[in-house]
Amino acid sequence: MNKVHSITVDYDNGKLIVNGKEINNTAIIGVADESTEGWLRQKVINIHNEAEKMIKVSVYCEEVHLMAEEPLTNSSNAGNKP
């Protein structure tokens, strides 16, 4: 009998949430029940590591995006000044 495991990953206020449970670098808390194979736990660790990378990239991209937008806004406003 095969079990189907779905994993949901969220990032909330600096915390990684997997299947509704907070995950940190040192522990996987309540994500998998005792019957779950070790590979699923490793999969969650991998998801955590990948999510961390994606979050860093996402934040970096947002900052760059905001930095790119500001001069455009300022220059268009400067043209409207009397």
PDB file of N, CA and C in Angstrom:
ATOM      1  N   MET A   1       0.836  -1.188   0.000  1.00  0.00           N
ATOM      2  CA  MET A   1       0.000   0.000   0.000  1.00  0.00           C
ATOM      3  C   MET A   1       0.883   1.255   0.000  1.00  0.00           C
ATOM      4  N   ASN A   2       0.724   2.072  -1.026  1.00  0.00           N
ATOM      5  CA  ASN A   2       1.535   3.280  -1.143  1.00  0.00           C
ATOM      6  C   ASN A   2       0.824   4.468  -0.511  1.00  0.00           C
ATOM      7  N   LYS A   3       1.591   5.246   0.221  1.00  0.00           N
ATOM      8  CA  LYS A   3       1.045   6.480   0.786  1.00  0.00           C
ATOM      9  C   LYS A   3       1.433   7.632  -0.122  1.00  0.00           C
ATOM     10  N   VAL A   4       0.513   8.547  -0.329  1.00  0.00           N
ATOM     11  CA  VAL A   4       0.824   9.748  -1.087  1.00  0.00           C
ATOM     12  C   VAL A   4       1.014  10.883  -0.092  1.00  0.00           C
ATOM     13  N   HIS A   5       2.191  11.486  -0.141  1.00  0.00           N
ATOM     14  CA  HIS A   5       2.491  12.585   0.773  1.00  0.00           C
ATOM     15  C   HIS A   5       2.500  13.885  -0.012  1.00  0.00           C
ATOM     16  N   SER A   6       1.705  14.836   0.425  1.00  0.00           N
ATOM     17  CA  SER A   6       1.799  16.158  -0.184  1.00  0.00           C
ATOM     18  C   SER A   6       2.499  17.072   0.806  1.00  0.00           C
ATOM     19  N   ILE A   7       3.363  17.911   0.285  1.00  0.00           N
ATOM     20  CA  ILE A   7       4.109  18.816   1.138  1.00  0.00           C
ATOM     21  C   ILE A   7       3.770  20.241   0.733  1.00  0.00           C
ATOM     22  N   THR A   8       3.307  21.023   1.693  1.00  0.00           N
ATOM     23  CA  THR A   8       3.077  22.439   1.419  1.00  0.00           C
ATOM     24  C   THR A   8       4.146  23.241   2.143  1.00  0.00           C
ATOM     25  N   VAL A   9       4.701  24.214   1.451  1.00  0.00           N
ATOM     26  CA  VAL A   9       5.765  25.033   2.017  1.00  0.00           C
ATOM     27  C   VAL A   9       5.342  26.491   1.973  1.00  0.00           C
ATOM     28  N   ASP A  10       5.407  27.150   3.110  1.00  0.00           N
ATOM     29  CA  ASP A  10       5.102  28.576   3.182  1.00  0.00           C
ATOM     30  C   ASP A  10       6.245  29.278   3.895  1.00  0.00           C
ATOM     31  N   TYR A  11       6.383  30.564   3.633  1.00  0.00           N
ATOM     32  CA  TYR A  11       7.381  31.368   4.329  1.00  0.00           C
ATOM     33  C   TYR A  11       6.644  32.526   4.970  1.00  0.00           C
ATOM     34  N   ASP A  12       6.687  32.585   6.298  1.00  0.00           N
ATOM     35  CA  ASP A  12       5.893  33.588   7.002  1.00  0.00           C
ATOM     36  C   ASP A  12       6.748  34.317   8.030  1.00  0.00           C
ATOM     37  N   ASN A  13       6.983  35.600   7.784  1.00  0.00           N
ATOM     38  CA  ASN A  13       7.670  36.442   8.760  1.00  0.00           C
ATOM     39  C   ASN A  13       8.986  35.824   9.235  1.00  0.00           C
ATOM     40  N   GLY A  14       9.807  35.378   8.292  1.00  0.00           N
ATOM     41  CA  GLY A  14      11.116  34.833   8.628  1.00  0.00           C
ATOM     42  C   GLY A  14      11.112  33.379   9.045  1.00  0.00           C
ATOM     43  N   LYS A  15       9.952  32.724   9.016  1.00  0.00           N
ATOM     44  CA  LYS A  15       9.870  31.321   9.427  1.00  0.00           C
ATOM     45  C   LYS A  15       9.431  30.459   8.257  1.00  0.00           C
ATOM     46  N   LEU A  16      10.070  29.312   8.118  1.00  0.00           N
ATOM     47  CA  LEU A  16       9.661  28.363   7.087  1.00  0.00           C
ATOM     48  C   LEU A  16       8.609  27.439   7.684  1.00  0.00           C
ATOM     49  N   ILE A  17       7.463  27.336   7.011  1.00  0.00           N
ATOM     50  CA  ILE A  17       6.363  26.509   7.501  1.00  0.00           C
ATOM     51  C   ILE A  17       6.143  25.377   6.498  1.00  0.00           C
ATOM     52  N   VAL A  18       6.292  24.137   6.954  1.00  0.00           N
ATOM     53  CA  VAL A  18       6.070  22.978   6.093  1.00  0.00           C
ATOM     54  C   VAL A  18       4.899  22.193   6.652  1.00  0.00           C
ATOM     55  N   ASN A  19       3.880  22.002   5.828  1.00  0.00           N
ATOM     56  CA  ASN A  19       2.669  21.303   6.266  1.00  0.00           C
ATOM     57  C   ASN A  19       2.137  21.870   7.581  1.00  0.00           C
ATOM     58  N   GLY A  20       2.175  23.189   7.694  1.00  0.00           N
ATOM     59  CA  GLY A  20       1.606  23.843   8.865  1.00  0.00           C
ATOM     60  C   GLY A  20       2.481  23.836  10.100  1.00  0.00           C
ATOM     61  N   LYS A  21       3.688  23.246  10.000  1.00  0.00           N
ATOM     62  CA  LYS A  21       4.594  23.207  11.150  1.00  0.00           C
ATOM     63  C   LYS A  21       5.833  24.041  10.844  1.00  0.00           C
ATOM     64  N   GLU A  22       6.302  24.786  11.859  1.00  0.00           N
ATOM     65  CA  GLU A  22       7.498  25.595  11.668  1.00  0.00           C
ATOM     66  C   GLU A  22       8.729  24.695  11.590  1.00  0.00           C
ATOM     67  N   ILE A  23       9.607  24.992  10.648  1.00  0.00           N
ATOM     68  CA  ILE A  23      10.825  24.209  10.454  1.00  0.00           C
ATOM     69  C   ILE A  23      12.017  25.122  10.684  1.00  0.00           C
ATOM     70  N   ASN A  24      13.049  24.607  11.352  1.00  0.00           N
ATOM     71  CA  ASN A  24      14.285  25.380  11.443  1.00  0.00           C
ATOM     72  C   ASN A  24      15.445  24.540  10.924  1.00  0.00           C
ATOM     73  N   ASN A  25      16.655  25.089  10.986  1.00  0.00           N
ATOM     74  CA  ASN A  25      17.806  24.406  10.402  1.00  0.00           C
ATOM     75  C   ASN A  25      18.162  23.111  11.116  1.00  0.00           C
ATOM     76  N   THR A  26      17.830  22.995  12.390  1.00  0.00           N
ATOM     77  CA  THR A  26      18.316  21.864  13.166  1.00  0.00           C
ATOM     78  C   THR A  26      17.287  20.767  13.365  1.00  0.00           C
ATOM     79  N   ALA A  27      16.004  21.051  13.102  1.00  0.00           N
ATOM     80  CA  ALA A  27      14.985  20.054  13.420  1.00  0.00           C
ATOM     81  C   ALA A  27      13.857  20.071  12.416  1.00  0.00           C
ATOM     82  N   ILE A  28      13.280  18.923  12.245  1.00  0.00           N
ATOM     83  CA  ILE A  28      12.045  18.818  11.482  1.00  0.00           C
ATOM     84  C   ILE A  28      10.988  18.417  12.492  1.00  0.00           C
ATOM     85  N   ILE A  29      10.039  19.309  12.723  1.00  0.00           N
ATOM     86  CA  ILE A  29       9.115  19.139  13.845  1.00  0.00           C
ATOM     87  C   ILE A  29       7.744  18.724  13.334  1.00  0.00           C
ATOM     88  N   GLY A  30       7.338  17.512  13.622  1.00  0.00           N
ATOM     89  CA  GLY A  30       5.982  17.078  13.344  1.00  0.00           C
ATOM     90  C   GLY A  30       5.577  17.073  11.886  1.00  0.00           C
ATOM     91  N   VAL A  31       6.543  17.061  10.975  1.00  0.00           N
ATOM     92  CA  VAL A  31       6.178  17.073   9.562  1.00  0.00           C
ATOM     93  C   VAL A  31       5.758  15.678   9.128  1.00  0.00           C
ATOM     94  N   ALA A  32       6.540  14.700   9.545  1.00  0.00           N
ATOM     95  CA  ALA A  32       6.291  13.338   9.101  1.00  0.00           C
ATOM     96  C   ALA A  32       5.904  12.473  10.296  1.00  0.00           C
ATOM     97  N   ASP A  33       4.983  11.553  10.065  1.00  0.00           N
ATOM     98  CA  ASP A  33       4.660  10.629  11.156  1.00  0.00           C
ATOM     99  C   ASP A  33       5.704   9.512  11.175  1.00  0.00           C
ATOM    100  N   GLU A  34       5.620   8.633  12.172  1.00  0.00           N
ATOM    101  CA  GLU A  34       6.658   7.625  12.360  1.00  0.00           C
ATOM    102  C   GLU A  34       6.747   6.643  11.205  1.00  0.00           C
ATOM    103  N   SER A  35       5.660   6.469  10.459  1.00  0.00           N
ATOM    104  CA  SER A  35       5.673   5.494   9.376  1.00  0.00           C
ATOM    105  C   SER A  35       6.308   6.053   8.100  1.00  0.00           C
ATOM    106  N   THR A  36       6.635   7.333   8.115  1.00  0.00           N
ATOM    107  CA  THR A  36       7.180   7.956   6.916  1.00  0.00           C
ATOM    108  C   THR A  36       8.648   7.599   6.746  1.00  0.00           C
ATOM    109  N   GLU A  37       9.018   7.316   5.504  1.00  0.00           N
ATOM    110  CA  GLU A  37      10.387   6.921   5.212  1.00  0.00           C
ATOM    111  C   GLU A  37      11.338   8.095   5.408  1.00  0.00           C
ATOM    112  N   GLY A  38      12.616   7.762   5.651  1.00  0.00           N
ATOM    113  CA  GLY A  38      13.646   8.782   5.851  1.00  0.00           C
ATOM    114  C   GLY A  38      13.820   9.689   4.650  1.00  0.00           C
ATOM    115  N   TRP A  39      13.562   9.149   3.451  1.00  0.00           N
ATOM    116  CA  TRP A  39      13.761   9.983   2.258  1.00  0.00           C
ATOM    117  C   TRP A  39      12.821  11.179   2.260  1.00  0.00           C
ATOM    118  N   LEU A  40      11.637  11.028   2.871  1.00  0.00           N
ATOM    119  CA  LEU A  40      10.706  12.158   2.922  1.00  0.00           C
ATOM    120  C   LEU A  40      11.268  13.250   3.829  1.00  0.00           C
ATOM    121  N   ARG A  41      11.857  12.822   4.948  1.00  0.00           N
ATOM    122  CA  ARG A  41      12.485  13.800   5.840  1.00  0.00           C
ATOM    123  C   ARG A  41      13.615  14.531   5.105  1.00  0.00           C
ATOM    124  N   GLN A  42      14.405  13.759   4.344  1.00  0.00           N
ATOM    125  CA  GLN A  42      15.495  14.384   3.595  1.00  0.00           C
ATOM    126  C   GLN A  42      14.930  15.344   2.554  1.00  0.00           C
ATOM    127  N   LYS A  43      13.810  14.946   1.948  1.00  0.00           N
ATOM    128  CA  LYS A  43      13.146  15.794   0.954  1.00  0.00           C
ATOM    129  C   LYS A  43      12.742  17.129   1.585  1.00  0.00           C
ATOM    130  N   VAL A  44      12.239  17.070   2.801  1.00  0.00           N
ATOM    131  CA  VAL A  44      11.827  18.292   3.497  1.00  0.00           C
ATOM    132  C   VAL A  44      13.044  19.161   3.804  1.00  0.00           C
ATOM    133  N   ILE A  45      14.148  18.520   4.217  1.00  0.00           N
ATOM    134  CA  ILE A  45      15.387  19.276   4.460  1.00  0.00           C
ATOM    135  C   ILE A  45      15.822  19.958   3.168  1.00  0.00           C
ATOM    136  N   ASN A  46      15.754  19.218   2.057  1.00  0.00           N
ATOM    137  CA  ASN A  46      16.135  19.783   0.764  1.00  0.00           C
ATOM    138  C   ASN A  46      15.220  20.938   0.388  1.00  0.00           C
ATOM    139  N   ILE A  47      13.920  20.775   0.652  1.00  0.00           N
ATOM    140  CA  ILE A  47      12.962  21.844   0.358  1.00  0.00           C
ATOM    141  C   ILE A  47      13.311  23.076   1.191  1.00  0.00           C
ATOM    142  N   HIS A  48      13.654  22.853   2.450  1.00  0.00           N
ATOM    143  CA  HIS A  48      14.032  23.970   3.324  1.00  0.00           C
ATOM    144  C   HIS A  48      15.229  24.706   2.744  1.00  0.00           C
ATOM    145  N   ASN A  49      16.256  23.952   2.335  1.00  0.00           N
ATOM    146  CA  ASN A  49      17.471  24.565   1.798  1.00  0.00           C
ATOM    147  C   ASN A  49      17.175  25.325   0.515  1.00  0.00           C
ATOM    148  N   GLU A  50      16.380  24.719  -0.365  1.00  0.00           N
ATOM    149  CA  GLU A  50      16.024  25.378  -1.622  1.00  0.00           C
ATOM    150  C   GLU A  50      15.162  26.607  -1.352  1.00  0.00           C
ATOM    151  N   ALA A  51      14.226  26.478  -0.403  1.00  0.00           N
ATOM    152  CA  ALA A  51      13.341  27.601  -0.082  1.00  0.00           C
ATOM    153  C   ALA A  51      14.161  28.773   0.444  1.00  0.00           C
ATOM    154  N   GLU A  52      15.155  28.475   1.275  1.00  0.00           N
ATOM    155  CA  GLU A  52      16.023  29.528   1.804  1.00  0.00           C
ATOM    156  C   GLU A  52      16.707  30.269   0.668  1.00  0.00           C
ATOM    157  N   LYS A  53      17.221  29.500  -0.310  1.00  0.00           N
ATOM    158  CA  LYS A  53      17.892  30.122  -1.460  1.00  0.00           C
ATOM    159  C   LYS A  53      16.903  30.972  -2.244  1.00  0.00           C
ATOM    160  N   MET A  54      15.704  30.427  -2.495  1.00  0.00           N
ATOM    161  CA  MET A  54      14.710  31.142  -3.292  1.00  0.00           C
ATOM    162  C   MET A  54      14.270  32.418  -2.580  1.00  0.00           C
ATOM    163  N   ILE A  55      14.139  32.342  -1.249  1.00  0.00           N
ATOM    164  CA  ILE A  55      13.710  33.509  -0.478  1.00  0.00           C
ATOM    165  C   ILE A  55      14.762  34.610  -0.601  1.00  0.00           C
ATOM    166  N   LYS A  56      16.049  34.222  -0.478  1.00  0.00           N
ATOM    167  CA  LYS A  56      17.125  35.209  -0.589  1.00  0.00           C
ATOM    168  C   LYS A  56      17.109  35.847  -1.971  1.00  0.00           C
ATOM    169  N   VAL A  57      16.943  35.039  -2.998  1.00  0.00           N
ATOM    170  CA  VAL A  57      16.900  35.555  -4.369  1.00  0.00           C
ATOM    171  C   VAL A  57      15.698  36.468  -4.548  1.00  0.00           C
ATOM    172  N   SER A  58      14.557  36.051  -4.011  1.00  0.00           N
ATOM    173  CA  SER A  58      13.328  36.830  -4.141  1.00  0.00           C
ATOM    174  C   SER A  58      13.485  38.196  -3.475  1.00  0.00           C
ATOM    175  N   VAL A  59      14.024  38.219  -2.270  1.00  0.00           N
ATOM    176  CA  VAL A  59      14.214  39.481  -1.550  1.00  0.00           C
ATOM    177  C   VAL A  59      15.186  40.361  -2.322  1.00  0.00           C
ATOM    178  N   TYR A  60      16.256  39.756  -2.828  1.00  0.00           N
ATOM    179  CA  TYR A  60      17.253  40.506  -3.594  1.00  0.00           C
ATOM    180  C   TYR A  60      16.612  41.112  -4.836  1.00  0.00           C
ATOM    181  N   CYS A  61      15.809  40.324  -5.537  1.00  0.00           N
ATOM    182  CA  CYS A  61      15.148  40.803  -6.753  1.00  0.00           C
ATOM    183  C   CYS A  61      14.178  41.937  -6.431  1.00  0.00           C
ATOM    184  N   GLU A  62      13.452  41.821  -5.335  1.00  0.00           N
ATOM    185  CA  GLU A  62      12.518  42.880  -4.945  1.00  0.00           C
ATOM    186  C   GLU A  62      13.268  44.172  -4.659  1.00  0.00           C
ATOM    187  N   GLU A  63      14.411  44.063  -3.966  1.00  0.00           N
ATOM    188  CA  GLU A  63      15.194  45.255  -3.649  1.00  0.00           C
ATOM    189  C   GLU A  63      15.701  45.906  -4.926  1.00  0.00           C
ATOM    190  N   VAL A  64      16.212  45.091  -5.839  1.00  0.00           N
ATOM    191  CA  VAL A  64      16.722  45.617  -7.104  1.00  0.00           C
ATOM    192  C   VAL A  64      15.586  46.267  -7.884  1.00  0.00           C
ATOM    193  N   HIS A  65      14.422  45.614  -7.865  1.00  0.00           N
ATOM    194  CA  HIS A  65      13.253  46.133  -8.580  1.00  0.00           C
ATOM    195  C   HIS A  65      12.863  47.502  -8.014  1.00  0.00           C
ATOM    196  N   LEU A  66      12.829  47.603  -6.682  1.00  0.00           N
ATOM    197  CA  LEU A  66      12.468  48.868  -6.040  1.00  0.00           C
ATOM    198  C   LEU A  66      13.506  49.941  -6.349  1.00  0.00           C
ATOM    199  N   MET A  67      14.783  49.562  -6.320  1.00  0.00           N
ATOM    200  CA  MET A  67      15.843  50.519  -6.608  1.00  0.00           C
ATOM    201  C   MET A  67      15.730  51.010  -8.050  1.00  0.00           C
ATOM    202  N   ALA A  68      15.350  50.127  -8.946  1.00  0.00           N
ATOM    203  CA  ALA A  68      15.228  50.498 -10.352  1.00  0.00           C
ATOM    204  C   ALA A  68      14.024  51.414 -10.568  1.00  0.00           C
ATOM    205  N   GLU A  69      12.975  51.221  -9.784  1.00  0.00           N
ATOM    206  CA  GLU A  69      11.767  52.030  -9.966  1.00  0.00           C
ATOM    207  C   GLU A  69      11.939  53.455  -9.441  1.00  0.00           C
ATOM    208  N   GLU A  70      12.655  53.620  -8.352  1.00  0.00           N
ATOM    209  CA  GLU A  70      12.729  54.936  -7.706  1.00  0.00           C
ATOM    210  C   GLU A  70      13.275  56.037  -8.613  1.00  0.00           C
ATOM    211  N   PRO A  71      14.408  55.827  -9.297  1.00  0.00           N
ATOM    212  CA  PRO A  71      14.918  56.901 -10.150  1.00  0.00           C
ATOM    213  C   PRO A  71      13.934  57.270 -11.261  1.00  0.00           C
ATOM    214  N   LEU A  72      13.215  56.288 -11.792  1.00  0.00           N
ATOM    215  CA  LEU A  72      12.239  56.573 -12.841  1.00  0.00           C
ATOM    216  C   LEU A  72      11.146  57.490 -12.299  1.00  0.00           C
ATOM    217  N   THR A  73      10.669  57.191 -11.098  1.00  0.00           N
ATOM    218  CA  THR A  73       9.619  58.004 -10.476  1.00  0.00           C
ATOM    219  C   THR A  73      10.144  59.412 -10.217  1.00  0.00           C
ATOM    220  N   ASN A  74      11.358  59.510  -9.675  1.00  0.00           N
ATOM    221  CA  ASN A  74      11.929  60.820  -9.363  1.00  0.00           C
ATOM    222  C   ASN A  74      12.154  61.645 -10.623  1.00  0.00           C
ATOM    223  N   SER A  75      12.650  61.012 -11.685  1.00  0.00           N
ATOM    224  CA  SER A  75      12.949  61.768 -12.898  1.00  0.00           C
ATOM    225  C   SER A  75      11.660  62.258 -13.556  1.00  0.00           C
ATOM    226  N   SER A  76      10.589  61.454 -13.499  1.00  0.00           N
ATOM    227  CA  SER A  76       9.334  61.898 -14.110  1.00  0.00           C
ATOM    228  C   SER A  76       8.723  63.029 -13.286  1.00  0.00           C
ATOM    229  N   ASN A  77       8.894  62.973 -11.958  1.00  0.00           N
ATOM    230  CA  ASN A  77       8.391  64.056 -11.112  1.00  0.00           C
ATOM    231  C   ASN A  77       9.201  65.328 -11.326  1.00  0.00           C
ATOM    232  N   ALA A  78      10.506  65.169 -11.534  1.00  0.00           N
ATOM    233  CA  ALA A  78      11.381  66.329 -11.708  1.00  0.00           C
ATOM    234  C   ALA A  78      10.955  67.124 -12.938  1.00  0.00           C
ATOM    235  N   GLY A  79      10.494  66.437 -13.967  1.00  0.00           N
ATOM    236  CA  GLY A  79      10.068  67.109 -15.185  1.00  0.00           C
ATOM    237  C   GLY A  79       8.806  67.924 -14.977  1.00  0.00           C
ATOM    238  N   ASN A  80       8.029  67.602 -13.946  1.00  0.00           N
ATOM    239  CA  ASN A  80       6.762  68.296 -13.717  1.00  0.00           C
ATOM    240  C   ASN A  80       6.909  69.515 -12.806  1.00  0.00           C
ATOM    241  N   LYS A  81       8.099  69.705 -12.240  1.00  0.00           N
ATOM    242  CA  LYS A  81       8.281  70.828 -11.307  1.00  0.00           C
ATOM    243  C   LYS A  81       8.332  72.146 -12.082  1.00  0.00           C
ATOM    244  N   PRO A  82       7.764  73.194 -11.527  1.00  0.00           N
ATOM    245  CA  PRO A  82       7.781  74.504 -12.210  1.00  0.00           C
ATOM    246  C   PRO A  82       9.176  75.118 -12.248  1.00  0.00           C
TER     247      PRO A  82
END
